[in-house]
Amino acid sequence: MDKVLEITSNDHIIMIDKLCKRILGHPEILGRIIKGFIKEAKDASLEEIIELIKGKKD
């Protein structure tokens, strides 16, 4: 029974990790984080930051 709980727990952690990566990888979410925490991006618009992020992905 403990093995079942261990596997379920590991699967749950993996699922949460994947979801977090998807959320943080979304250009608007990442853009808001950059705008809020990166001094050089403070004066840039969110749209400009998102375009820069999208350009880096391509």
Protein backbone atom coordinates (compact mmCIF):
# COMPACT_ATOMS: atom_id res chain seq x y z
CA MET A 1 0.00 0.00 0.00
CA ASP A 2 2.85 2.42 0.77
CA LYS A 3 4.27 1.90 -2.73
CA VAL A 4 0.94 2.99 -4.25
CA LEU A 5 0.98 6.18 -2.19
CA GLU A 6 4.60 6.84 -3.15
CA ILE A 7 3.88 6.46 -6.87
CA THR A 8 0.79 8.63 -6.62
CA SER A 9 2.73 11.26 -4.71
CA ASN A 10 5.54 11.30 -7.30
CA ASP A 11 3.04 11.53 -10.15
CA HIS A 12 1.34 14.41 -8.36
CA ILE A 13 4.63 16.27 -7.95
CA ILE A 14 5.48 15.73 -11.61
CA MET A 15 2.04 17.00 -12.65
CA ILE A 16 2.38 20.12 -10.49
CA ASP A 17 5.87 20.76 -11.87
CA LYS A 18 4.61 20.55 -15.46
CA LEU A 19 1.68 22.86 -14.72
CA CYS A 20 3.95 25.42 -13.06
CA LYS A 21 6.28 25.39 -16.07
CA ARG A 22 3.31 25.97 -18.38
CA ILE A 23 2.05 28.87 -16.26
CA LEU A 24 5.45 30.51 -15.85
CA GLY A 25 6.25 29.93 -19.52
CA HIS A 26 3.15 31.80 -20.69
CA PRO A 27 4.38 35.10 -22.25
CA GLU A 28 1.94 37.35 -20.34
CA ILE A 29 2.69 35.79 -16.95
CA LEU A 30 6.43 35.84 -17.60
CA GLY A 31 6.17 39.41 -18.89
CA ARG A 32 4.44 40.56 -15.71
CA ILE A 33 7.12 38.91 -13.58
CA ILE A 34 9.89 40.52 -15.62
CA LYS A 35 8.22 43.94 -15.48
CA GLY A 36 7.78 43.67 -11.73
CA PHE A 37 11.23 42.42 -10.81
CA ILE A 38 13.74 43.43 -13.50
CA LYS A 39 14.87 47.03 -13.07
CA GLU A 40 15.73 47.47 -16.78
CA ALA A 41 12.20 46.42 -17.81
CA LYS A 42 10.39 48.76 -15.42
CA ASP A 43 9.67 51.41 -18.06
CA ALA A 44 8.86 49.00 -20.90
CA SER A 45 5.25 48.21 -21.67
CA LEU A 46 3.94 44.72 -21.02
CA GLU A 47 3.30 44.37 -24.76
CA GLU A 48 6.95 45.19 -25.56
CA ILE A 49 8.17 42.65 -23.04
CA ILE A 50 5.81 39.97 -24.40
CA GLU A 51 7.06 40.61 -27.94
CA LEU A 52 10.66 40.24 -26.74
CA ILE A 53 9.78 36.96 -24.99
CA LYS A 54 8.03 35.63 -28.09
CA GLY A 55 11.01 36.66 -30.24
CA LYS A 56 13.34 34.64 -27.99
CA LYS A 57 11.15 31.53 -28.38
CA ASP A 58 11.22 31.61 -32.21
